[in-house]
Amino acid sequence: MQTGCRNNGRHGVARHYVPQQPVPPLAAGGTTAHVLAIDYALRPVLASMSPARITPGWFVLDEHIDVRRDDGIVVEPGARQALNQVIDRFAAAFSERRPLRATA
């Protein structure tokens, strides 16, 4: 899982999009033992990209996610509620940002 998080952090998120932007550490894995991957693998990779803020993240067991060919991705209600809260905090981080100003 840690290697997957690192690869996703390096290749799944373009470096030029991250600086000065809020980012959420999100991960899915097969067991609750993978929860530590957020703090020990994903968060350091995100921090190295100089984000404006790393918002609180969330881990979802892969058994709570159902990828369907026709219906897209379905997340179980309990996991979906927690993810919605994380997404709301992430969205709020954008409104907390100060606008960039040009130097004179």
PDB file of N, CA and C in Angstrom:
ATOM      1  N   MET A   1       0.819  -1.196   0.000  1.00  0.00           N
ATOM      2  CA  MET A   1       0.000   0.000   0.000  1.00  0.00           C
ATOM      3  C   MET A   1       0.855   1.249   0.000  1.00  0.00           C
ATOM      4  N   GLN A   2       1.925   1.254   0.781  1.00  0.00           N
ATOM      5  CA  GLN A   2       2.741   2.461   0.834  1.00  0.00           C
ATOM      6  C   GLN A   2       3.346   2.768  -0.528  1.00  0.00           C
ATOM      7  N   THR A   3       3.824   1.751  -1.214  1.00  0.00           N
ATOM      8  CA  THR A   3       4.388   1.994  -2.534  1.00  0.00           C
ATOM      9  C   THR A   3       3.320   2.521  -3.467  1.00  0.00           C
ATOM     10  N   GLY A   4       2.120   1.963  -3.389  1.00  0.00           N
ATOM     11  CA  GLY A   4       1.025   2.443  -4.230  1.00  0.00           C
ATOM     12  C   GLY A   4       0.676   3.882  -3.931  1.00  0.00           C
ATOM     13  N   CYS A   5       0.664   4.248  -2.655  1.00  0.00           N
ATOM     14  CA  CYS A   5       0.380   5.640  -2.290  1.00  0.00           C
ATOM     15  C   CYS A   5       1.456   6.559  -2.828  1.00  0.00           C
ATOM     16  N   ARG A   6       2.699   6.131  -2.699  1.00  0.00           N
ATOM     17  CA  ARG A   6       3.781   6.985  -3.196  1.00  0.00           C
ATOM     18  C   ARG A   6       3.689   7.143  -4.697  1.00  0.00           C
ATOM     19  N   ASN A   7       3.442   6.047  -5.412  1.00  0.00           N
ATOM     20  CA  ASN A   7       3.333   6.152  -6.862  1.00  0.00           C
ATOM     21  C   ASN A   7       2.150   7.016  -7.251  1.00  0.00           C
ATOM     22  N   ASN A   8       1.031   6.847  -6.589  1.00  0.00           N
ATOM     23  CA  ASN A   8      -0.135   7.664  -6.898  1.00  0.00           C
ATOM     24  C   ASN A   8       0.152   9.132  -6.599  1.00  0.00           C
ATOM     25  N   GLY A   9       0.843   9.391  -5.504  1.00  0.00           N
ATOM     26  CA  GLY A   9       1.168  10.767  -5.154  1.00  0.00           C
ATOM     27  C   GLY A   9       2.109  11.405  -6.159  1.00  0.00           C
ATOM     28  N   ARG A  10       3.023  10.638  -6.676  1.00  0.00           N
ATOM     29  CA  ARG A  10       3.993  11.193  -7.623  1.00  0.00           C
ATOM     30  C   ARG A  10       3.428  11.296  -9.030  1.00  0.00           C
ATOM     31  N   HIS A  11       2.671  10.280  -9.442  1.00  0.00           N
ATOM     32  CA  HIS A  11       2.238  10.230 -10.829  1.00  0.00           C
ATOM     33  C   HIS A  11       0.770  10.591 -11.014  1.00  0.00           C
ATOM     34  N   GLY A  12      -0.050  10.342 -10.011  1.00  0.00           N
ATOM     35  CA  GLY A  12      -1.480  10.606 -10.139  1.00  0.00           C
ATOM     36  C   GLY A  12      -1.834  12.063  -9.961  1.00  0.00           C
ATOM     37  N   VAL A  13      -0.983  12.835  -9.303  1.00  0.00           N
ATOM     38  CA  VAL A  13      -1.225  14.257  -9.072  1.00  0.00           C
ATOM     39  C   VAL A  13      -0.107  15.027  -9.765  1.00  0.00           C
ATOM     40  N   ALA A  14      -0.464  15.824 -10.739  1.00  0.00           N
ATOM     41  CA  ALA A  14       0.550  16.596 -11.457  1.00  0.00           C
ATOM     42  C   ALA A  14       1.167  17.628 -10.513  1.00  0.00           C
ATOM     43  N   ARG A  15       2.489  17.705 -10.489  1.00  0.00           N
ATOM     44  CA  ARG A  15       3.200  18.600  -9.576  1.00  0.00           C
ATOM     45  C   ARG A  15       2.812  20.060  -9.769  1.00  0.00           C
ATOM     46  N   HIS A  16       2.510  20.471 -10.987  1.00  0.00           N
ATOM     47  CA  HIS A  16       2.207  21.881 -11.207  1.00  0.00           C
ATOM     48  C   HIS A  16       0.805  22.265 -10.725  1.00  0.00           C
ATOM     49  N   TYR A  17      -0.021  21.299 -10.363  1.00  0.00           N
ATOM     50  CA  TYR A  17      -1.343  21.616  -9.823  1.00  0.00           C
ATOM     51  C   TYR A  17      -1.332  21.764  -8.308  1.00  0.00           C
ATOM     52  N   VAL A  18      -0.356  21.173  -7.639  1.00  0.00           N
ATOM     53  CA  VAL A  18      -0.358  21.099  -6.187  1.00  0.00           C
ATOM     54  C   VAL A  18       0.148  22.362  -5.481  1.00  0.00           C
ATOM     55  N   PRO A  19       1.262  22.975  -5.918  1.00  0.00           N
ATOM     56  CA  PRO A  19       1.765  24.117  -5.145  1.00  0.00           C
ATOM     57  C   PRO A  19       0.705  25.193  -4.936  1.00  0.00           C
ATOM     58  N   GLN A  20       0.621  25.642  -3.702  1.00  0.00           N
ATOM     59  CA  GLN A  20      -0.290  26.704  -3.296  1.00  0.00           C
ATOM     60  C   GLN A  20      -1.762  26.319  -3.362  1.00  0.00           C
ATOM     61  N   GLN A  21      -2.058  25.037  -3.460  1.00  0.00           N
ATOM     62  CA  GLN A  21      -3.440  24.557  -3.462  1.00  0.00           C
ATOM     63  C   GLN A  21      -3.654  23.653  -2.254  1.00  0.00           C
ATOM     64  N   PRO A  22      -4.859  23.645  -1.694  1.00  0.00           N
ATOM     65  CA  PRO A  22      -5.150  22.648  -0.652  1.00  0.00           C
ATOM     66  C   PRO A  22      -5.222  21.252  -1.284  1.00  0.00           C
ATOM     67  N   VAL A  23      -4.807  20.248  -0.548  1.00  0.00           N
ATOM     68  CA  VAL A  23      -4.896  18.870  -1.033  1.00  0.00           C
ATOM     69  C   VAL A  23      -5.434  17.971   0.079  1.00  0.00           C
ATOM     70  N   PRO A  24      -6.249  16.970  -0.278  1.00  0.00           N
ATOM     71  CA  PRO A  24      -6.736  16.019   0.725  1.00  0.00           C
ATOM     72  C   PRO A  24      -6.027  14.675   0.584  1.00  0.00           C
ATOM     73  N   PRO A  25      -5.452  14.129   1.648  1.00  0.00           N
ATOM     74  CA  PRO A  25      -4.893  12.785   1.542  1.00  0.00           C
ATOM     75  C   PRO A  25      -6.021  11.756   1.651  1.00  0.00           C
ATOM     76  N   LEU A  26      -6.321  11.091   0.565  1.00  0.00           N
ATOM     77  CA  LEU A  26      -7.361  10.067   0.528  1.00  0.00           C
ATOM     78  C   LEU A  26      -6.725   8.755   0.107  1.00  0.00           C
ATOM     79  N   ALA A  27      -7.164   7.656   0.713  1.00  0.00           N
ATOM     80  CA  ALA A  27      -6.609   6.356   0.366  1.00  0.00           C
ATOM     81  C   ALA A  27      -7.659   5.277   0.588  1.00  0.00           C
ATOM     82  N   ALA A  28      -7.505   4.203  -0.151  1.00  0.00           N
ATOM     83  CA  ALA A  28      -8.329   3.012   0.036  1.00  0.00           C
ATOM     84  C   ALA A  28      -7.382   1.834   0.145  1.00  0.00           C
ATOM     85  N   GLY A  29      -7.758   0.839   0.932  1.00  0.00           N
ATOM     86  CA  GLY A  29      -6.901  -0.327   1.094  1.00  0.00           C
ATOM     87  C   GLY A  29      -7.682  -1.518   1.582  1.00  0.00           C
ATOM     88  N   GLY A  30      -7.001  -2.642   1.618  1.00  0.00           N
ATOM     89  CA  GLY A  30      -7.642  -3.904   1.945  1.00  0.00           C
ATOM     90  C   GLY A  30      -7.876  -4.160   3.418  1.00  0.00           C
ATOM     91  N   THR A  31      -7.067  -3.564   4.303  1.00  0.00           N
ATOM     92  CA  THR A  31      -7.243  -3.774   5.737  1.00  0.00           C
ATOM     93  C   THR A  31      -7.028  -2.455   6.472  1.00  0.00           C
ATOM     94  N   THR A  32      -7.491  -2.421   7.718  1.00  0.00           N
ATOM     95  CA  THR A  32      -7.306  -1.212   8.509  1.00  0.00           C
ATOM     96  C   THR A  32      -5.835  -0.956   8.823  1.00  0.00           C
ATOM     97  N   ALA A  33      -4.981  -1.956   8.645  1.00  0.00           N
ATOM     98  CA  ALA A  33      -3.543  -1.757   8.847  1.00  0.00           C
ATOM     99  C   ALA A  33      -2.986  -0.754   7.843  1.00  0.00           C
ATOM    100  N   HIS A  34      -3.665  -0.580   6.723  1.00  0.00           N
ATOM    101  CA  HIS A  34      -3.215   0.358   5.702  1.00  0.00           C
ATOM    102  C   HIS A  34      -3.526   1.811   6.043  1.00  0.00           C
ATOM    103  N   VAL A  35      -4.257   2.062   7.118  1.00  0.00           N
ATOM    104  CA  VAL A  35      -4.587   3.429   7.524  1.00  0.00           C
ATOM    105  C   VAL A  35      -3.317   4.246   7.735  1.00  0.00           C
ATOM    106  N   LEU A  36      -2.288   3.632   8.273  1.00  0.00           N
ATOM    107  CA  LEU A  36      -1.042   4.342   8.540  1.00  0.00           C
ATOM    108  C   LEU A  36      -0.382   4.858   7.269  1.00  0.00           C
ATOM    109  N   ALA A  37      -0.741   4.303   6.126  1.00  0.00           N
ATOM    110  CA  ALA A  37      -0.150   4.752   4.868  1.00  0.00           C
ATOM    111  C   ALA A  37      -0.451   6.219   4.607  1.00  0.00           C
ATOM    112  N   ILE A  38      -1.579   6.715   5.087  1.00  0.00           N
ATOM    113  CA  ILE A  38      -1.913   8.131   4.883  1.00  0.00           C
ATOM    114  C   ILE A  38      -0.872   9.009   5.568  1.00  0.00           C
ATOM    115  N   ASP A  39      -0.562   8.738   6.827  1.00  0.00           N
ATOM    116  CA  ASP A  39       0.372   9.590   7.562  1.00  0.00           C
ATOM    117  C   ASP A  39       1.834   9.313   7.257  1.00  0.00           C
ATOM    118  N   TYR A  40       2.181   8.058   6.971  1.00  0.00           N
ATOM    119  CA  TYR A  40       3.587   7.717   6.804  1.00  0.00           C
ATOM    120  C   TYR A  40       4.038   7.627   5.352  1.00  0.00           C
ATOM    121  N   ALA A  41       3.128   7.618   4.404  1.00  0.00           N
ATOM    122  CA  ALA A  41       3.521   7.546   2.992  1.00  0.00           C
ATOM    123  C   ALA A  41       2.902   8.684   2.178  1.00  0.00           C
ATOM    124  N   LEU A  42       1.592   8.814   2.228  1.00  0.00           N
ATOM    125  CA  LEU A  42       0.931   9.794   1.364  1.00  0.00           C
ATOM    126  C   LEU A  42       1.130  11.235   1.825  1.00  0.00           C
ATOM    127  N   ARG A  43       0.936  11.500   3.100  1.00  0.00           N
ATOM    128  CA  ARG A  43       1.076  12.872   3.602  1.00  0.00           C
ATOM    129  C   ARG A  43       2.481  13.450   3.350  1.00  0.00           C
ATOM    130  N   PRO A  44       3.576  12.702   3.594  1.00  0.00           N
ATOM    131  CA  PRO A  44       4.900  13.253   3.288  1.00  0.00           C
ATOM    132  C   PRO A  44       5.104  13.560   1.794  1.00  0.00           C
ATOM    133  N   VAL A  45       4.559  12.709   0.932  1.00  0.00           N
ATOM    134  CA  VAL A  45       4.676  12.965  -0.511  1.00  0.00           C
ATOM    135  C   VAL A  45       3.935  14.246  -0.864  1.00  0.00           C
ATOM    136  N   LEU A  46       2.725  14.396  -0.346  1.00  0.00           N
ATOM    137  CA  LEU A  46       1.964  15.621  -0.609  1.00  0.00           C
ATOM    138  C   LEU A  46       2.690  16.837  -0.049  1.00  0.00           C
ATOM    139  N   ALA A  47       3.247  16.727   1.149  1.00  0.00           N
ATOM    140  CA  ALA A  47       3.961  17.846   1.764  1.00  0.00           C
ATOM    141  C   ALA A  47       5.164  18.265   0.914  1.00  0.00           C
ATOM    142  N   SER A  48       5.806  17.323   0.260  1.00  0.00           N
ATOM    143  CA  SER A  48       6.968  17.649  -0.577  1.00  0.00           C
ATOM    144  C   SER A  48       6.579  18.458  -1.807  1.00  0.00           C
ATOM    145  N   MET A  49       5.307  18.497  -2.133  1.00  0.00           N
ATOM    146  CA  MET A  49       4.828  19.238  -3.302  1.00  0.00           C
ATOM    147  C   MET A  49       4.410  20.671  -2.955  1.00  0.00           C
ATOM    148  N   SER A  50       4.645  21.080  -1.725  1.00  0.00           N
ATOM    149  CA  SER A  50       4.377  22.451  -1.260  1.00  0.00           C
ATOM    150  C   SER A  50       2.929  22.906  -1.421  1.00  0.00           C
ATOM    151  N   PRO A  51       1.981  22.140  -0.894  1.00  0.00           N
ATOM    152  CA  PRO A  51       0.595  22.594  -0.988  1.00  0.00           C
ATOM    153  C   PRO A  51       0.344  23.750  -0.018  1.00  0.00           C
ATOM    154  N   ALA A  52      -0.703  24.512  -0.271  1.00  0.00           N
ATOM    155  CA  ALA A  52      -1.075  25.588   0.645  1.00  0.00           C
ATOM    156  C   ALA A  52      -1.499  24.992   1.980  1.00  0.00           C
ATOM    157  N   ARG A  53      -2.154  23.851   1.931  1.00  0.00           N
ATOM    158  CA  ARG A  53      -2.653  23.200   3.138  1.00  0.00           C
ATOM    159  C   ARG A  53      -2.954  21.744   2.812  1.00  0.00           C
ATOM    160  N   ILE A  54      -2.651  20.859   3.728  1.00  0.00           N
ATOM    161  CA  ILE A  54      -3.076  19.463   3.595  1.00  0.00           C
ATOM    162  C   ILE A  54      -4.268  19.302   4.515  1.00  0.00           C
ATOM    163  N   THR A  55      -5.429  19.123   3.936  1.00  0.00           N
ATOM    164  CA  THR A  55      -6.654  19.020   4.725  1.00  0.00           C
ATOM    165  C   THR A  55      -6.734  17.636   5.367  1.00  0.00           C
ATOM    166  N   PRO A  56      -7.597  17.468   6.375  1.00  0.00           N
ATOM    167  CA  PRO A  56      -7.756  16.140   6.974  1.00  0.00           C
ATOM    168  C   PRO A  56      -8.129  15.114   5.908  1.00  0.00           C
ATOM    169  N   GLY A  57      -7.549  13.949   6.007  1.00  0.00           N
ATOM    170  CA  GLY A  57      -7.787  12.915   5.015  1.00  0.00           C
ATOM    171  C   GLY A  57      -8.728  11.838   5.519  1.00  0.00           C
ATOM    172  N   TRP A  58      -8.867  10.801   4.727  1.00  0.00           N
ATOM    173  CA  TRP A  58      -9.735   9.702   5.101  1.00  0.00           C
ATOM    174  C   TRP A  58      -9.280   8.439   4.410  1.00  0.00           C
ATOM    175  N   PHE A  59      -9.480   7.311   5.093  1.00  0.00           N
ATOM    176  CA  PHE A  59      -9.157   5.992   4.571  1.00  0.00           C
ATOM    177  C   PHE A  59     -10.439   5.198   4.458  1.00  0.00           C
ATOM    178  N   VAL A  60     -10.636   4.532   3.346  1.00  0.00           N
ATOM    179  CA  VAL A  60     -11.825   3.707   3.125  1.00  0.00           C
ATOM    180  C   VAL A  60     -11.363   2.296   2.799  1.00  0.00           C
ATOM    181  N   LEU A  61     -11.940   1.329   3.491  1.00  0.00           N
ATOM    182  CA  LEU A  61     -11.659  -0.069   3.150  1.00  0.00           C
ATOM    183  C   LEU A  61     -12.187  -0.341   1.754  1.00  0.00           C
ATOM    184  N   ASP A  62     -11.406  -1.058   0.960  1.00  0.00           N
ATOM    185  CA  ASP A  62     -11.840  -1.305  -0.409  1.00  0.00           C
ATOM    186  C   ASP A  62     -13.118  -2.134  -0.482  1.00  0.00           C
ATOM    187  N   GLU A  63     -13.424  -2.875   0.573  1.00  0.00           N
ATOM    188  CA  GLU A  63     -14.672  -3.649   0.570  1.00  0.00           C
ATOM    189  C   GLU A  63     -15.907  -2.741   0.674  1.00  0.00           C
ATOM    190  N   HIS A  64     -15.709  -1.466   1.013  1.00  0.00           N
ATOM    191  CA  HIS A  64     -16.808  -0.503   1.090  1.00  0.00           C
ATOM    192  C   HIS A  64     -16.986   0.271  -0.211  1.00  0.00           C
ATOM    193  N   ILE A  65     -16.179  -0.067  -1.215  1.00  0.00           N
ATOM    194  CA  ILE A  65     -16.242   0.597  -2.511  1.00  0.00           C
ATOM    195  C   ILE A  65     -16.560  -0.449  -3.564  1.00  0.00           C
ATOM    196  N   ASP A  66     -17.566  -0.178  -4.360  1.00  0.00           N
ATOM    197  CA  ASP A  66     -17.960  -1.096  -5.420  1.00  0.00           C
ATOM    198  C   ASP A  66     -17.826  -0.366  -6.757  1.00  0.00           C
ATOM    199  N   VAL A  67     -16.892  -0.828  -7.570  1.00  0.00           N
ATOM    200  CA  VAL A  67     -16.710  -0.234  -8.897  1.00  0.00           C
ATOM    201  C   VAL A  67     -17.546  -1.053  -9.873  1.00  0.00           C
ATOM    202  N   ARG A  68     -18.536  -0.401 -10.452  1.00  0.00           N
ATOM    203  CA  ARG A  68     -19.455  -1.080 -11.370  1.00  0.00           C
ATOM    204  C   ARG A  68     -19.215  -0.604 -12.794  1.00  0.00           C
ATOM    205  N   ARG A  69     -19.325  -1.509 -13.676  1.00  0.00           N
ATOM    206  CA  ARG A  69     -19.062  -1.207 -15.083  1.00  0.00           C
ATOM    207  C   ARG A  69     -19.988  -0.113 -15.615  1.00  0.00           C
ATOM    208  N   ASP A  70     -21.278  -0.176 -15.311  1.00  0.00           N
ATOM    209  CA  ASP A  70     -22.234   0.770 -15.877  1.00  0.00           C
ATOM    210  C   ASP A  70     -22.603   1.914 -14.939  1.00  0.00           C
ATOM    211  N   ASP A  71     -22.573   1.667 -13.611  1.00  0.00           N
ATOM    212  CA  ASP A  71     -23.050   2.665 -12.650  1.00  0.00           C
ATOM    213  C   ASP A  71     -21.942   3.499 -12.035  1.00  0.00           C
ATOM    214  N   GLY A  72     -20.719   3.295 -12.431  1.00  0.00           N
ATOM    215  CA  GLY A  72     -19.613   4.045 -11.834  1.00  0.00           C
ATOM    216  C   GLY A  72     -19.202   3.454 -10.502  1.00  0.00           C
ATOM    217  N   ILE A  73     -18.868   4.313  -9.566  1.00  0.00           N
ATOM    218  CA  ILE A  73     -18.378   3.890  -8.259  1.00  0.00           C
ATOM    219  C   ILE A  73     -19.471   4.093  -7.218  1.00  0.00           C
ATOM    220  N   VAL A  74     -19.730   3.055  -6.434  1.00  0.00           N
ATOM    221  CA  VAL A  74     -20.723   3.122  -5.369  1.00  0.00           C
ATOM    222  C   VAL A  74     -20.008   2.906  -4.045  1.00  0.00           C
ATOM    223  N   VAL A  75     -20.178   3.845  -3.118  1.00  0.00           N
ATOM    224  CA  VAL A  75     -19.560   3.762  -1.800  1.00  0.00           C
ATOM    225  C   VAL A  75     -20.655   3.485  -0.783  1.00  0.00           C
ATOM    226  N   GLU A  76     -20.403   2.563   0.141  1.00  0.00           N
ATOM    227  CA  GLU A  76     -21.391   2.229   1.166  1.00  0.00           C
ATOM    228  C   GLU A  76     -21.762   3.475   1.965  1.00  0.00           C
ATOM    229  N   PRO A  77     -23.009   3.546   2.462  1.00  0.00           N
ATOM    230  CA  PRO A  77     -23.497   4.763   3.130  1.00  0.00           C
ATOM    231  C   PRO A  77     -22.617   5.298   4.257  1.00  0.00           C
ATOM    232  N   GLY A  78     -22.120   4.451   5.153  1.00  0.00           N
ATOM    233  CA  GLY A  78     -21.284   4.934   6.261  1.00  0.00           C
ATOM    234  C   GLY A  78     -19.991   5.568   5.770  1.00  0.00           C
ATOM    235  N   ALA A  79     -19.340   4.909   4.815  1.00  0.00           N
ATOM    236  CA  ALA A  79     -18.107   5.450   4.243  1.00  0.00           C
ATOM    237  C   ALA A  79     -18.401   6.699   3.429  1.00  0.00           C
ATOM    238  N   ARG A  80     -19.530   6.713   2.736  1.00  0.00           N
ATOM    239  CA  ARG A  80     -19.905   7.872   1.920  1.00  0.00           C
ATOM    240  C   ARG A  80     -20.136   9.100   2.791  1.00  0.00           C
ATOM    241  N   GLN A  81     -20.774   8.920   3.935  1.00  0.00           N
ATOM    242  CA  GLN A  81     -21.022  10.047   4.840  1.00  0.00           C
ATOM    243  C   GLN A  81     -19.705  10.646   5.326  1.00  0.00           C
ATOM    244  N   ALA A  82     -18.762   9.800   5.712  1.00  0.00           N
ATOM    245  CA  ALA A  82     -17.455  10.280   6.159  1.00  0.00           C
ATOM    246  C   ALA A  82     -16.706  10.970   5.018  1.00  0.00           C
ATOM    247  N   LEU A  83     -16.753  10.394   3.825  1.00  0.00           N
ATOM    248  CA  LEU A  83     -16.087  11.009   2.678  1.00  0.00           C
ATOM    249  C   LEU A  83     -16.700  12.371   2.348  1.00  0.00           C
ATOM    250  N   ASN A  84     -18.011  12.476   2.458  1.00  0.00           N
ATOM    251  CA  ASN A  84     -18.670  13.764   2.199  1.00  0.00           C
ATOM    252  C   ASN A  84     -18.182  14.830   3.173  1.00  0.00           C
ATOM    253  N   GLN A  85     -17.957  14.471   4.424  1.00  0.00           N
ATOM    254  CA  GLN A  85     -17.443  15.427   5.405  1.00  0.00           C
ATOM    255  C   GLN A  85     -16.026  15.866   5.034  1.00  0.00           C
ATOM    256  N   VAL A  86     -15.201  14.925   4.592  1.00  0.00           N
ATOM    257  CA  VAL A  86     -13.839  15.246   4.173  1.00  0.00           C
ATOM    258  C   VAL A  86     -13.873  16.161   2.951  1.00  0.00           C
ATOM    259  N   ILE A  87     -14.756  15.871   2.016  1.00  0.00           N
ATOM    260  CA  ILE A  87     -14.880  16.696   0.809  1.00  0.00           C
ATOM    261  C   ILE A  87     -15.365  18.094   1.167  1.00  0.00           C
ATOM    262  N   ASP A  88     -16.288  18.195   2.104  1.00  0.00           N
ATOM    263  CA  ASP A  88     -16.762  19.520   2.543  1.00  0.00           C
ATOM    264  C   ASP A  88     -15.623  20.338   3.154  1.00  0.00           C
ATOM    265  N   ARG A  89     -14.784  19.702   3.979  1.00  0.00           N
ATOM    266  CA  ARG A  89     -13.640  20.414   4.571  1.00  0.00           C
ATOM    267  C   ARG A  89     -12.635  20.820   3.499  1.00  0.00           C
ATOM    268  N   PHE A  90     -12.465  19.955   2.521  1.00  0.00           N
ATOM    269  CA  PHE A  90     -11.565  20.264   1.412  1.00  0.00           C
ATOM    270  C   PHE A  90     -12.090  21.461   0.624  1.00  0.00           C
ATOM    271  N   ALA A  91     -13.371  21.472   0.311  1.00  0.00           N
ATOM    272  CA  ALA A  91     -13.968  22.597  -0.413  1.00  0.00           C
ATOM    273  C   ALA A  91     -13.855  23.885   0.391  1.00  0.00           C
ATOM    274  N   ALA A  92     -14.033  23.803   1.697  1.00  0.00           N
ATOM    275  CA  ALA A  92     -13.924  24.991   2.552  1.00  0.00           C
ATOM    276  C   ALA A  92     -12.510  25.543   2.544  1.00  0.00           C
ATOM    277  N   ALA A  93     -11.514  24.686   2.356  1.00  0.00           N
ATOM    278  CA  ALA A  93     -10.120  25.148   2.324  1.00  0.00           C
ATOM    279  C   ALA A  93      -9.884  26.102   1.160  1.00  0.00           C
ATOM    280  N   PHE A  94     -10.629  25.945   0.074  1.00  0.00           N
ATOM    281  CA  PHE A  94     -10.480  26.858  -1.059  1.00  0.00           C
ATOM    282  C   PHE A  94     -11.032  28.238  -0.737  1.00  0.00           C
ATOM    283  N   SER A  95     -12.107  28.284   0.020  1.00  0.00           N
ATOM    284  CA  SER A  95     -12.675  29.582   0.360  1.00  0.00           C
ATOM    285  C   SER A  95     -11.834  30.298   1.411  1.00  0.00           C
ATOM    286  N   GLU A  96     -11.000  29.570   2.146  1.00  0.00           N
ATOM    287  CA  GLU A  96     -10.129  30.160   3.157  1.00  0.00           C
ATOM    288  C   GLU A  96      -8.850  30.723   2.558  1.00  0.00           C
ATOM    289  N   ARG A  97      -8.574  30.396   1.306  1.00  0.00           N
ATOM    290  CA  ARG A  97      -7.340  30.850   0.667  1.00  0.00           C
ATOM    291  C   ARG A  97      -7.384  32.346   0.394  1.00  0.00           C
ATOM    292  N   ARG A  98      -6.238  32.967   0.538  1.00  0.00           N
ATOM    293  CA  ARG A  98      -6.117  34.380   0.199  1.00  0.00           C
ATOM    294  C   ARG A  98      -5.772  34.468  -1.296  1.00  0.00           C
ATOM    295  N   PRO A  99      -6.340  35.436  -2.003  1.00  0.00           N
ATOM    296  CA  PRO A  99      -6.012  35.570  -3.421  1.00  0.00           C
ATOM    297  C   PRO A  99      -4.543  35.962  -3.623  1.00  0.00           C
ATOM    298  N   LEU A 100      -3.984  35.511  -4.710  1.00  0.00           N
ATOM    299  CA  LEU A 100      -2.608  35.878  -5.045  1.00  0.00           C
ATOM    300  C   LEU A 100      -2.584  37.317  -5.549  1.00  0.00           C
ATOM    301  N   ARG A 101      -1.568  38.052  -5.179  1.00  0.00           N
ATOM    302  CA  ARG A 101      -1.448  39.435  -5.634  1.00  0.00           C
ATOM    303  C   ARG A 101      -0.141  39.599  -6.400  1.00  0.00           C
ATOM    304  N   ALA A 102      -0.176  40.402  -7.421  1.00  0.00           N
ATOM    305  CA  ALA A 102       1.016  40.687  -8.195  1.00  0.00           C
ATOM    306  C   ALA A 102       1.908  41.627  -7.415  1.00  0.00           C
ATOM    307  N   THR A 103       3.211  41.437  -7.529  1.00  0.00           N
ATOM    308  CA  THR A 103       4.137  42.357  -6.870  1.00  0.00           C
ATOM    309  C   THR A 103       4.362  43.564  -7.753  1.00  0.00           C
ATOM    310  N   ALA A 104       4.576  44.695  -7.132  1.00  0.00           N
ATOM    311  CA  ALA A 104       4.763  45.934  -7.905  1.00  0.00           C
ATOM    312  C   ALA A 104       6.187  46.102  -8.337  1.00  0.00           C
TER     313      ALA A 104
END
